[in-house]
Amino acid sequence: RKNGKLLSLIDIYEELDYEIRLKTPEGEQRRSEKTTRDVFNTVLE
């Protein structure tokens, strides 16, 4: 908290890395991305 306000992870770190692990019948794939938003969308095509 800062001044009584609960800080988000974006408030603290500004940018976060996220890793998507995709499990398929053939195995597992990994993909890394970055975000600066508390809620975000991504599409695996």
ModelCIF file with pLDDT and N, C-alpha, C, O atoms, coordinates in Angstrom:
data_MODEL
#
_entry.id   MODEL 
#
_entity.id                         1 
_entity.type                       polymer 
_entity.pdbx_number_of_molecules   1 
#
_entity_poly.entity_id                      1 
_entity_poly.type                           'polypeptide(L)' 
_entity_poly.nstd_linkage                   no 
_entity_poly.nstd_monomer                   no 
_entity_poly.pdbx_seq_one_letter_code       RKNGKLLSLIDIYEELDYEIRLKTPEGEQRRSEKTTRDVFNTVLE 
_entity_poly.pdbx_seq_one_letter_code_can   RKNGKLLSLIDIYEELDYEIRLKTPEGEQRRSEKTTRDVFNTVLE 
_entity_poly.pdbx_strand_id                 A 
#
loop_
_entity_poly_seq.entity_id 
_entity_poly_seq.num 
_entity_poly_seq.mon_id 
_entity_poly_seq.hetero 
1 1  ARG n 
1 2  LYS n 
1 3  ASN n 
1 4  GLY n 
1 5  LYS n 
1 6  LEU n 
1 7  LEU n 
1 8  SER n 
1 9  LEU n 
1 10 ILE n 
1 11 ASP n 
1 12 ILE n 
1 13 TYR n 
1 14 GLU n 
1 15 GLU n 
1 16 LEU n 
1 17 ASP n 
1 18 TYR n 
1 19 GLU n 
1 20 ILE n 
1 21 ARG n 
1 22 LEU n 
1 23 LYS n 
1 24 THR n 
1 25 PRO n 
1 26 GLU n 
1 27 GLY n 
1 28 GLU n 
1 29 GLN n 
1 30 ARG n 
1 31 ARG n 
1 32 SER n 
1 33 GLU n 
1 34 LYS n 
1 35 THR n 
1 36 THR n 
1 37 ARG n 
1 38 ASP n 
1 39 VAL n 
1 40 PHE n 
1 41 ASN n 
1 42 THR n 
1 43 VAL n 
1 44 LEU n 
1 45 GLU n 
#
_struct_asym.id          A 
_struct_asym.entity_id   1 
#
loop_
_ma_qa_metric.id 
_ma_qa_metric.mode 
_ma_qa_metric.name 
_ma_qa_metric.software_group_id 
_ma_qa_metric.type 
1 global pLDDT . pLDDT 
2 local  pLDDT . pLDDT 
#
_ma_qa_metric_global.metric_id      1 
_ma_qa_metric_global.metric_value   92.42 
_ma_qa_metric_global.model_id       1 
_ma_qa_metric_global.ordinal_id     1 
#
loop_
_ma_qa_metric_local.label_asym_id 
_ma_qa_metric_local.label_comp_id 
_ma_qa_metric_local.label_seq_id 
_ma_qa_metric_local.metric_id 
_ma_qa_metric_local.metric_value 
_ma_qa_metric_local.model_id 
_ma_qa_metric_local.ordinal_id 
A ARG 1  2 86.00 1 1  
A LYS 2  2 88.00 1 2  
A ASN 3  2 89.00 1 3  
A GLY 4  2 86.00 1 4  
A LYS 5  2 89.00 1 5  
A LEU 6  2 89.00 1 6  
A LEU 7  2 90.00 1 7  
A SER 8  2 91.00 1 8  
A LEU 9  2 91.00 1 9  
A ILE 10 2 92.00 1 10 
A ASP 11 2 91.00 1 11 
A ILE 12 2 90.00 1 12 
A TYR 13 2 90.00 1 13 
A GLU 14 2 91.00 1 14 
A GLU 15 2 94.00 1 15 
A LEU 16 2 94.00 1 16 
A ASP 17 2 94.00 1 17 
A TYR 18 2 95.00 1 18 
A GLU 19 2 96.00 1 19 
A ILE 20 2 96.00 1 20 
A ARG 21 2 97.00 1 21 
A LEU 22 2 96.00 1 22 
A LYS 23 2 94.00 1 23 
A THR 24 2 88.00 1 24 
A PRO 25 2 82.00 1 25 
A GLU 26 2 86.00 1 26 
A GLY 27 2 91.00 1 27 
A GLU 28 2 94.00 1 28 
A GLN 29 2 94.00 1 29 
A ARG 30 2 95.00 1 30 
A ARG 31 2 94.00 1 31 
A SER 32 2 94.00 1 32 
A GLU 33 2 94.00 1 33 
A LYS 34 2 95.00 1 34 
A THR 35 2 95.00 1 35 
A THR 36 2 95.00 1 36 
A ARG 37 2 95.00 1 37 
A ASP 38 2 95.00 1 38 
A VAL 39 2 96.00 1 39 
A PHE 40 2 96.00 1 40 
A ASN 41 2 95.00 1 41 
A THR 42 2 95.00 1 42 
A VAL 43 2 95.00 1 43 
A LEU 44 2 93.00 1 44 
A GLU 45 2 93.00 1 45 
#
loop_
_atom_site.group_PDB 
_atom_site.id 
_atom_site.type_symbol 
_atom_site.label_atom_id 
_atom_site.label_alt_id 
_atom_site.label_comp_id 
_atom_site.label_asym_id 
_atom_site.label_entity_id 
_atom_site.label_seq_id 
_atom_site.pdbx_PDB_ins_code 
_atom_site.Cartn_x 
_atom_site.Cartn_y 
_atom_site.Cartn_z 
_atom_site.occupancy 
_atom_site.B_iso_or_equiv 
_atom_site.pdbx_formal_charge 
_atom_site.auth_seq_id 
_atom_site.auth_comp_id 
_atom_site.auth_asym_id 
_atom_site.auth_atom_id 
_atom_site.pdbx_PDB_model_num 
ATOM 1   N N  . ARG A 1 1  ? 0.847  -1.192  0.000   1.00 86.00 ? 1  ARG A N  1 
ATOM 2   C CA . ARG A 1 1  ? 0.000  0.000   0.000   1.00 86.00 ? 1  ARG A CA 1 
ATOM 3   C C  . ARG A 1 1  ? 0.885  1.246   0.000   1.00 86.00 ? 1  ARG A C  1 
ATOM 4   O O  . ARG A 1 1  ? 1.975  1.264   0.572   1.00 86.00 ? 1  ARG A O  1 
ATOM 5   N N  . LYS A 1 2  ? 0.377  2.278   -0.659  1.00 88.00 ? 2  LYS A N  1 
ATOM 6   C CA . LYS A 1 2  ? 1.054  3.577   -0.644  1.00 88.00 ? 2  LYS A CA 1 
ATOM 7   C C  . LYS A 1 2  ? -0.015 4.627   -0.425  1.00 88.00 ? 2  LYS A C  1 
ATOM 8   O O  . LYS A 1 2  ? -0.948 4.743   -1.219  1.00 88.00 ? 2  LYS A O  1 
ATOM 9   N N  . ASN A 1 3  ? 0.116  5.391   0.644   1.00 89.00 ? 3  ASN A N  1 
ATOM 10  C CA . ASN A 1 3  ? -0.884 6.407   1.019   1.00 89.00 ? 3  ASN A CA 1 
ATOM 11  C C  . ASN A 1 3  ? -2.280 5.785   1.150   1.00 89.00 ? 3  ASN A C  1 
ATOM 12  O O  . ASN A 1 3  ? -3.278 6.395   0.765   1.00 89.00 ? 3  ASN A O  1 
ATOM 13  N N  . GLY A 1 4  ? -2.336 4.580   1.690   1.00 86.00 ? 4  GLY A N  1 
ATOM 14  C CA . GLY A 1 4  ? -3.618 3.907   1.918   1.00 86.00 ? 4  GLY A CA 1 
ATOM 15  C C  . GLY A 1 4  ? -4.196 3.233   0.687   1.00 86.00 ? 4  GLY A C  1 
ATOM 16  O O  . GLY A 1 4  ? -5.226 2.565   0.778   1.00 86.00 ? 4  GLY A O  1 
ATOM 17  N N  . LYS A 1 5  ? -3.551 3.394   -0.470  1.00 89.00 ? 5  LYS A N  1 
ATOM 18  C CA . LYS A 1 5  ? -4.051 2.802   -1.716  1.00 89.00 ? 5  LYS A CA 1 
ATOM 19  C C  . LYS A 1 5  ? -3.295 1.519   -2.003  1.00 89.00 ? 5  LYS A C  1 
ATOM 20  O O  . LYS A 1 5  ? -2.067 1.477   -1.933  1.00 89.00 ? 5  LYS A O  1 
ATOM 21  N N  . LEU A 1 6  ? -4.039 0.480   -2.326  1.00 89.00 ? 6  LEU A N  1 
ATOM 22  C CA . LEU A 1 6  ? -3.436 -0.794  -2.681  1.00 89.00 ? 6  LEU A CA 1 
ATOM 23  C C  . LEU A 1 6  ? -2.796 -0.675  -4.060  1.00 89.00 ? 6  LEU A C  1 
ATOM 24  O O  . LEU A 1 6  ? -3.469 -0.337  -5.034  1.00 89.00 ? 6  LEU A O  1 
ATOM 25  N N  . LEU A 1 7  ? -1.502 -0.953  -4.140  1.00 90.00 ? 7  LEU A N  1 
ATOM 26  C CA . LEU A 1 7  ? -0.786 -0.831  -5.405  1.00 90.00 ? 7  LEU A CA 1 
ATOM 27  C C  . LEU A 1 7  ? -0.954 -2.091  -6.245  1.00 90.00 ? 7  LEU A C  1 
ATOM 28  O O  . LEU A 1 7  ? -0.974 -3.203  -5.716  1.00 90.00 ? 7  LEU A O  1 
ATOM 29  N N  . SER A 1 8  ? -1.076 -1.910  -7.556  1.00 91.00 ? 8  SER A N  1 
ATOM 30  C CA . SER A 1 8  ? -1.124 -3.067  -8.457  1.00 91.00 ? 8  SER A CA 1 
ATOM 31  C C  . SER A 1 8  ? 0.312  -3.478  -8.769  1.00 91.00 ? 8  SER A C  1 
ATOM 32  O O  . SER A 1 8  ? 1.250  -2.733  -8.488  1.00 91.00 ? 8  SER A O  1 
ATOM 33  N N  . LEU A 1 9  ? 0.478  -4.651  -9.345  1.00 91.00 ? 9  LEU A N  1 
ATOM 34  C CA . LEU A 1 9  ? 1.822  -5.093  -9.730  1.00 91.00 ? 9  LEU A CA 1 
ATOM 35  C C  . LEU A 1 9  ? 2.420  -4.178  -10.785 1.00 91.00 ? 9  LEU A C  1 
ATOM 36  O O  . LEU A 1 9  ? 3.637  -4.000  -10.830 1.00 91.00 ? 9  LEU A O  1 
ATOM 37  N N  . ILE A 1 10 ? 1.580  -3.596  -11.638 1.00 92.00 ? 10 ILE A N  1 
ATOM 38  C CA . ILE A 1 10 ? 2.055  -2.649  -12.659 1.00 92.00 ? 10 ILE A CA 1 
ATOM 39  C C  . ILE A 1 10 ? 2.543  -1.363  -11.988 1.00 92.00 ? 10 ILE A C  1 
ATOM 40  O O  . ILE A 1 10 ? 3.532  -0.774  -12.424 1.00 92.00 ? 10 ILE A O  1 
ATOM 41  N N  . ASP A 1 11 ? 1.842  -0.918  -10.912 1.00 91.00 ? 11 ASP A N  1 
ATOM 42  C CA . ASP A 1 11 ? 2.304  0.254   -10.154 1.00 91.00 ? 11 ASP A CA 1 
ATOM 43  C C  . ASP A 1 11 ? 3.702  0.009   -9.586  1.00 91.00 ? 11 ASP A C  1 
ATOM 44  O O  . ASP A 1 11 ? 4.530  0.919   -9.546  1.00 91.00 ? 11 ASP A O  1 
ATOM 45  N N  . ILE A 1 12 ? 3.956  -1.217  -9.152  1.00 90.00 ? 12 ILE A N  1 
ATOM 46  C CA . ILE A 1 12 ? 5.227  -1.541  -8.505  1.00 90.00 ? 12 ILE A CA 1 
ATOM 47  C C  . ILE A 1 12 ? 6.336  -1.765  -9.532  1.00 90.00 ? 12 ILE A C  1 
ATOM 48  O O  . ILE A 1 12 ? 7.416  -1.187  -9.416  1.00 90.00 ? 12 ILE A O  1 
ATOM 49  N N  . TYR A 1 13 ? 6.071  -2.607  -10.544 1.00 90.00 ? 13 TYR A N  1 
ATOM 50  C CA . TYR A 1 13 ? 7.120  -3.027  -11.471 1.00 90.00 ? 13 TYR A CA 1 
ATOM 51  C C  . TYR A 1 13 ? 7.093  -2.309  -12.834 1.00 90.00 ? 13 TYR A C  1 
ATOM 52  O O  . TYR A 1 13 ? 8.055  -2.411  -13.595 1.00 90.00 ? 13 TYR A O  1 
ATOM 53  N N  . GLU A 1 14 ? 6.029  -1.602  -13.144 1.00 91.00 ? 14 GLU A N  1 
ATOM 54  C CA . GLU A 1 14 ? 5.811  -0.896  -14.415 1.00 91.00 ? 14 GLU A CA 1 
ATOM 55  C C  . GLU A 1 14 ? 5.623  -1.843  -15.601 1.00 91.00 ? 14 GLU A C  1 
ATOM 56  O O  . GLU A 1 14 ? 4.713  -1.641  -16.405 1.00 91.00 ? 14 GLU A O  1 
ATOM 57  N N  . GLU A 1 15 ? 6.457  -2.860  -15.723 1.00 94.00 ? 15 GLU A N  1 
ATOM 58  C CA . GLU A 1 15 ? 6.330  -3.827  -16.825 1.00 94.00 ? 15 GLU A CA 1 
ATOM 59  C C  . GLU A 1 15 ? 6.588  -5.219  -16.262 1.00 94.00 ? 15 GLU A C  1 
ATOM 60  O O  . GLU A 1 15 ? 7.512  -5.430  -15.476 1.00 94.00 ? 15 GLU A O  1 
ATOM 61  N N  . LEU A 1 16 ? 5.744  -6.169  -16.686 1.00 94.00 ? 16 LEU A N  1 
ATOM 62  C CA . LEU A 1 16 ? 5.889  -7.549  -16.242 1.00 94.00 ? 16 LEU A CA 1 
ATOM 63  C C  . LEU A 1 16 ? 6.066  -8.470  -17.434 1.00 94.00 ? 16 LEU A C  1 
ATOM 64  O O  . LEU A 1 16 ? 5.565  -8.205  -18.527 1.00 94.00 ? 16 LEU A O  1 
ATOM 65  N N  . ASP A 1 17 ? 6.780  -9.545  -17.206 1.00 94.00 ? 17 ASP A N  1 
ATOM 66  C CA . ASP A 1 17 ? 6.911  -10.599 -18.209 1.00 94.00 ? 17 ASP A CA 1 
ATOM 67  C C  . ASP A 1 17 ? 5.868  -11.659 -17.907 1.00 94.00 ? 17 ASP A C  1 
ATOM 68  O O  . ASP A 1 17 ? 5.575  -11.939 -16.745 1.00 94.00 ? 17 ASP A O  1 
ATOM 69  N N  . TYR A 1 18 ? 5.315  -12.240 -18.942 1.00 95.00 ? 18 TYR A N  1 
ATOM 70  C CA . TYR A 1 18 ? 4.453  -13.396 -18.717 1.00 95.00 ? 18 TYR A CA 1 
ATOM 71  C C  . TYR A 1 18 ? 4.814  -14.472 -19.725 1.00 95.00 ? 18 TYR A C  1 
ATOM 72  O O  . TYR A 1 18 ? 5.166  -14.195 -20.872 1.00 95.00 ? 18 TYR A O  1 
ATOM 73  N N  . GLU A 1 19 ? 4.715  -15.695 -19.263 1.00 96.00 ? 19 GLU A N  1 
ATOM 74  C CA . GLU A 1 19 ? 5.018  -16.835 -20.114 1.00 96.00 ? 19 GLU A CA 1 
ATOM 75  C C  . GLU A 1 19 ? 3.756  -17.665 -20.279 1.00 96.00 ? 19 GLU A C  1 
ATOM 76  O O  . GLU A 1 19 ? 3.100  -18.034 -19.306 1.00 96.00 ? 19 GLU A O  1 
ATOM 77  N N  . ILE A 1 20 ? 3.434  -17.947 -21.528 1.00 96.00 ? 20 ILE A N  1 
ATOM 78  C CA . ILE A 1 20 ? 2.287  -18.796 -21.845 1.00 96.00 ? 20 ILE A CA 1 
ATOM 79  C C  . ILE A 1 20 ? 2.810  -20.200 -22.100 1.00 96.00 ? 20 ILE A C  1 
ATOM 80  O O  . ILE A 1 20 ? 3.671  -20.415 -22.952 1.00 96.00 ? 20 ILE A O  1 
ATOM 81  N N  . ARG A 1 21 ? 2.281  -21.140 -21.355 1.00 97.00 ? 21 ARG A N  1 
ATOM 82  C CA . ARG A 1 21 ? 2.609  -22.549 -21.609 1.00 97.00 ? 21 ARG A CA 1 
ATOM 83  C C  . ARG A 1 21 ? 1.375  -23.173 -22.266 1.00 97.00 ? 21 ARG A C  1 
ATOM 84  O O  . ARG A 1 21 ? 0.284  -23.166 -21.695 1.00 97.00 ? 21 ARG A O  1 
ATOM 85  N N  . LEU A 1 22 ? 1.563  -23.706 -23.458 1.00 96.00 ? 22 LEU A N  1 
ATOM 86  C CA . LEU A 1 22 ? 0.477  -24.306 -24.243 1.00 96.00 ? 22 LEU A CA 1 
ATOM 87  C C  . LEU A 1 22 ? 0.734  -25.795 -24.347 1.00 96.00 ? 22 LEU A C  1 
ATOM 88  O O  . LEU A 1 22 ? 1.731  -26.233 -24.921 1.00 96.00 ? 22 LEU A O  1 
ATOM 89  N N  . LYS A 1 23 ? -0.189 -26.570 -23.779 1.00 94.00 ? 23 LYS A N  1 
ATOM 90  C CA . LYS A 1 23 ? -0.056 -28.023 -23.819 1.00 94.00 ? 23 LYS A CA 1 
ATOM 91  C C  . LYS A 1 23 ? -0.930 -28.564 -24.948 1.00 94.00 ? 23 LYS A C  1 
ATOM 92  O O  . LYS A 1 23 ? -2.132 -28.301 -25.005 1.00 94.00 ? 23 LYS A O  1 
ATOM 93  N N  . THR A 1 24 ? -0.299 -29.328 -25.846 1.00 88.00 ? 24 THR A N  1 
ATOM 94  C CA . THR A 1 24 ? -0.998 -29.923 -26.985 1.00 88.00 ? 24 THR A CA 1 
ATOM 95  C C  . THR A 1 24 ? -0.818 -31.434 -26.921 1.00 88.00 ? 24 THR A C  1 
ATOM 96  O O  . THR A 1 24 ? -0.015 -31.927 -26.128 1.00 88.00 ? 24 THR A O  1 
ATOM 97  N N  . PRO A 1 25 ? -1.554 -32.174 -27.746 1.00 82.00 ? 25 PRO A N  1 
ATOM 98  C CA . PRO A 1 25 ? -1.334 -33.631 -27.775 1.00 82.00 ? 25 PRO A CA 1 
ATOM 99  C C  . PRO A 1 25 ? 0.101  -33.985 -28.177 1.00 82.00 ? 25 PRO A C  1 
ATOM 100 O O  . PRO A 1 25 ? 0.596  -35.057 -27.827 1.00 82.00 ? 25 PRO A O  1 
ATOM 101 N N  . GLU A 1 26 ? 0.767  -33.094 -28.905 1.00 86.00 ? 26 GLU A N  1 
ATOM 102 C CA . GLU A 1 26 ? 2.136  -33.370 -29.363 1.00 86.00 ? 26 GLU A CA 1 
ATOM 103 C C  . GLU A 1 26 ? 3.187  -32.988 -28.329 1.00 86.00 ? 26 GLU A C  1 
ATOM 104 O O  . GLU A 1 26 ? 4.326  -33.444 -28.432 1.00 86.00 ? 26 GLU A O  1 
ATOM 105 N N  . GLY A 1 27 ? 2.851  -32.180 -27.350 1.00 91.00 ? 27 GLY A N  1 
ATOM 106 C CA . GLY A 1 27 ? 3.836  -31.742 -26.364 1.00 91.00 ? 27 GLY A CA 1 
ATOM 107 C C  . GLY A 1 27 ? 3.476  -30.384 -25.794 1.00 91.00 ? 27 GLY A C  1 
ATOM 108 O O  . GLY A 1 27 ? 2.310  -29.989 -25.789 1.00 91.00 ? 27 GLY A O  1 
ATOM 109 N N  . GLU A 1 28 ? 4.488  -29.671 -25.314 1.00 94.00 ? 28 GLU A N  1 
ATOM 110 C CA . GLU A 1 28 ? 4.261  -28.372 -24.685 1.00 94.00 ? 28 GLU A CA 1 
ATOM 111 C C  . GLU A 1 28 ? 5.090  -27.302 -25.380 1.00 94.00 ? 28 GLU A C  1 
ATOM 112 O O  . GLU A 1 28 ? 6.252  -27.519 -25.725 1.00 94.00 ? 28 GLU A O  1 
ATOM 113 N N  . GLN A 1 29 ? 4.466  -26.133 -25.579 1.00 94.00 ? 29 GLN A N  1 
ATOM 114 C CA . GLN A 1 29 ? 5.154  -24.993 -26.183 1.00 94.00 ? 29 GLN A CA 1 
ATOM 115 C C  . GLN A 1 29 ? 5.148  -23.855 -25.172 1.00 94.00 ? 29 GLN A C  1 
ATOM 116 O O  . GLN A 1 29 ? 4.254  -23.760 -24.331 1.00 94.00 ? 29 GLN A O  1 
ATOM 117 N N  . ARG A 1 30 ? 6.156  -22.993 -25.264 1.00 95.00 ? 30 ARG A N  1 
ATOM 118 C CA . ARG A 1 30 ? 6.236  -21.830 -24.381 1.00 95.00 ? 30 ARG A CA 1 
ATOM 119 C C  . ARG A 1 30 ? 6.440  -20.573 -25.218 1.00 95.00 ? 30 ARG A C  1 
ATOM 120 O O  . ARG A 1 30 ? 7.135  -20.582 -26.234 1.00 95.00 ? 30 ARG A O  1 
ATOM 121 N N  . ARG A 1 31 ? 5.820  -19.503 -24.762 1.00 94.00 ? 31 ARG A N  1 
ATOM 122 C CA . ARG A 1 31 ? 5.964  -18.219 -25.447 1.00 94.00 ? 31 ARG A CA 1 
ATOM 123 C C  . ARG A 1 31 ? 6.020  -17.119 -24.392 1.00 94.00 ? 31 ARG A C  1 
ATOM 124 O O  . ARG A 1 31 ? 5.185  -17.084 -23.489 1.00 94.00 ? 31 ARG A O  1 
ATOM 125 N N  . SER A 1 32 ? 6.994  -16.225 -24.501 1.00 94.00 ? 32 SER A N  1 
ATOM 126 C CA . SER A 1 32 ? 7.150  -15.142 -23.527 1.00 94.00 ? 32 SER A CA 1 
ATOM 127 C C  . SER A 1 32 ? 6.732  -13.818 -24.143 1.00 94.00 ? 32 SER A C  1 
ATOM 128 O O  . SER A 1 32 ? 7.004  -13.548 -25.313 1.00 94.00 ? 32 SER A O  1 
ATOM 129 N N  . GLU A 1 33 ? 6.066  -12.997 -23.341 1.00 94.00 ? 33 GLU A N  1 
ATOM 130 C CA . GLU A 1 33 ? 5.595  -11.669 -23.764 1.00 94.00 ? 33 GLU A CA 1 
ATOM 131 C C  . GLU A 1 33 ? 5.774  -10.705 -22.598 1.00 94.00 ? 33 GLU A C  1 
ATOM 132 O O  . GLU A 1 33 ? 6.165  -11.108 -21.503 1.00 94.00 ? 33 GLU A O  1 
ATOM 133 N N  . LYS A 1 34 ? 5.483  -9.418  -22.843 1.00 95.00 ? 34 LYS A N  1 
ATOM 134 C CA . LYS A 1 34 ? 5.533  -8.397  -21.799 1.00 95.00 ? 34 LYS A CA 1 
ATOM 135 C C  . LYS A 1 34 ? 4.184  -7.686  -21.744 1.00 95.00 ? 34 LYS A C  1 
ATOM 136 O O  . LYS A 1 34 ? 3.450  -7.630  -22.731 1.00 95.00 ? 34 LYS A O  1 
ATOM 137 N N  . THR A 1 35 ? 3.873  -7.138  -20.552 1.00 95.00 ? 35 THR A N  1 
ATOM 138 C CA . THR A 1 35 ? 2.631  -6.383  -20.407 1.00 95.00 ? 35 THR A CA 1 
ATOM 139 C C  . THR A 1 35 ? 2.848  -5.198  -19.481 1.00 95.00 ? 35 THR A C  1 
ATOM 140 O O  . THR A 1 35 ? 3.712  -5.217  -18.605 1.00 95.00 ? 35 THR A O  1 
ATOM 141 N N  . THR A 1 36 ? 2.040  -4.165  -19.699 1.00 95.00 ? 36 THR A N  1 
ATOM 142 C CA . THR A 1 36 ? 2.025  -2.996  -18.817 1.00 95.00 ? 36 THR A CA 1 
ATOM 143 C C  . THR A 1 36 ? 0.594  -2.736  -18.328 1.00 95.00 ? 36 THR A C  1 
ATOM 144 O O  . THR A 1 36 ? 0.267  -1.632  -17.894 1.00 95.00 ? 36 THR A O  1 
ATOM 145 N N  . ARG A 1 37 ? -0.253 -3.773  -18.407 1.00 95.00 ? 37 ARG A N  1 
ATOM 146 C CA . ARG A 1 37 ? -1.668 -3.634  -18.018 1.00 95.00 ? 37 ARG A CA 1 
ATOM 147 C C  . ARG A 1 37 ? -2.042 -4.690  -16.991 1.00 95.00 ? 37 ARG A C  1 
ATOM 148 O O  . ARG A 1 37 ? -1.487 -5.789  -16.979 1.00 95.00 ? 37 ARG A O  1 
ATOM 149 N N  . ASP A 1 38 ? -2.994 -4.340  -16.129 1.00 95.00 ? 38 ASP A N  1 
ATOM 150 C CA . ASP A 1 38 ? -3.458 -5.269  -15.087 1.00 95.00 ? 38 ASP A CA 1 
ATOM 151 C C  . ASP A 1 38 ? -4.325 -6.383  -15.662 1.00 95.00 ? 38 ASP A C  1 
ATOM 152 O O  . ASP A 1 38 ? -4.309 -7.511  -15.170 1.00 95.00 ? 38 ASP A O  1 
ATOM 153 N N  . VAL A 1 39 ? -5.087 -6.054  -16.715 1.00 96.00 ? 39 VAL A N  1 
ATOM 154 C CA . VAL A 1 39 ? -5.922 -7.043  -17.402 1.00 96.00 ? 39 VAL A CA 1 
ATOM 155 C C  . VAL A 1 39 ? -5.594 -6.922  -18.884 1.00 96.00 ? 39 VAL A C  1 
ATOM 156 O O  . VAL A 1 39 ? -5.630 -5.827  -19.446 1.00 96.00 ? 39 VAL A O  1 
ATOM 157 N N  . PHE A 1 40 ? -5.277 -8.042  -19.511 1.00 96.00 ? 40 PHE A N  1 
ATOM 158 C CA . PHE A 1 40 ? -4.909 -7.984  -20.923 1.00 96.00 ? 40 PHE A CA 1 
ATOM 159 C C  . PHE A 1 40 ? -5.357 -9.252  -21.641 1.00 96.00 ? 40 PHE A C  1 
ATOM 160 O O  . PHE A 1 40 ? -5.625 -10.287 -21.031 1.00 96.00 ? 40 PHE A O  1 
ATOM 161 N N  . ASN A 1 41 ? -5.428 -9.125  -22.962 1.00 95.00 ? 41 ASN A N  1 
ATOM 162 C CA . ASN A 1 41 ? -5.820 -10.238 -23.835 1.00 95.00 ? 41 ASN A CA 1 
ATOM 163 C C  . ASN A 1 41 ? -4.669 -10.609 -24.734 1.00 95.00 ? 41 ASN A C  1 
ATOM 164 O O  . ASN A 1 41 ? -3.852 -9.766  -25.105 1.00 95.00 ? 41 ASN A O  1 
ATOM 165 N N  . THR A 1 42 ? -4.613 -11.878 -25.081 1.00 95.00 ? 42 THR A N  1 
ATOM 166 C CA . THR A 1 42 ? -3.686 -12.339 -26.104 1.00 95.00 ? 42 THR A CA 1 
ATOM 167 C C  . THR A 1 42 ? -4.373 -13.466 -26.862 1.00 95.00 ? 42 THR A C  1 
ATOM 168 O O  . THR A 1 42 ? -5.216 -14.172 -26.309 1.00 95.00 ? 42 THR A O  1 
ATOM 169 N N  . VAL A 1 43 ? -4.012 -13.629 -28.116 1.00 95.00 ? 43 VAL A N  1 
ATOM 170 C CA . VAL A 1 43 ? -4.633 -14.656 -28.955 1.00 95.00 ? 43 VAL A CA 1 
ATOM 171 C C  . VAL A 1 43 ? -3.546 -15.596 -29.465 1.00 95.00 ? 43 VAL A C  1 
ATOM 172 O O  . VAL A 1 43 ? -2.546 -15.155 -30.032 1.00 95.00 ? 43 VAL A O  1 
ATOM 173 N N  . LEU A 1 44 ? -3.751 -16.886 -29.259 1.00 93.00 ? 44 LEU A N  1 
ATOM 174 C CA . LEU A 1 44 ? -2.863 -17.900 -29.827 1.00 93.00 ? 44 LEU A CA 1 
ATOM 175 C C  . LEU A 1 44 ? -3.490 -18.342 -31.134 1.00 93.00 ? 44 LEU A C  1 
ATOM 176 O O  . LEU A 1 44 ? -4.577 -18.919 -31.147 1.00 93.00 ? 44 LEU A O  1 
ATOM 177 N N  . GLU A 1 45 ? -2.802 -18.072 -32.231 1.00 93.00 ? 45 GLU A N  1 
ATOM 178 C CA . GLU A 1 45 ? -3.355 -18.351 -33.549 1.00 93.00 ? 45 GLU A CA 1 
ATOM 179 C C  . GLU A 1 45 ? -2.658 -19.540 -34.198 1.00 93.00 ? 45 GLU A C  1 
ATOM 180 O O  . GLU A 1 45 ? -2.999 -19.919 -35.319 1.00 93.00 ? 45 GLU A O  1 
#
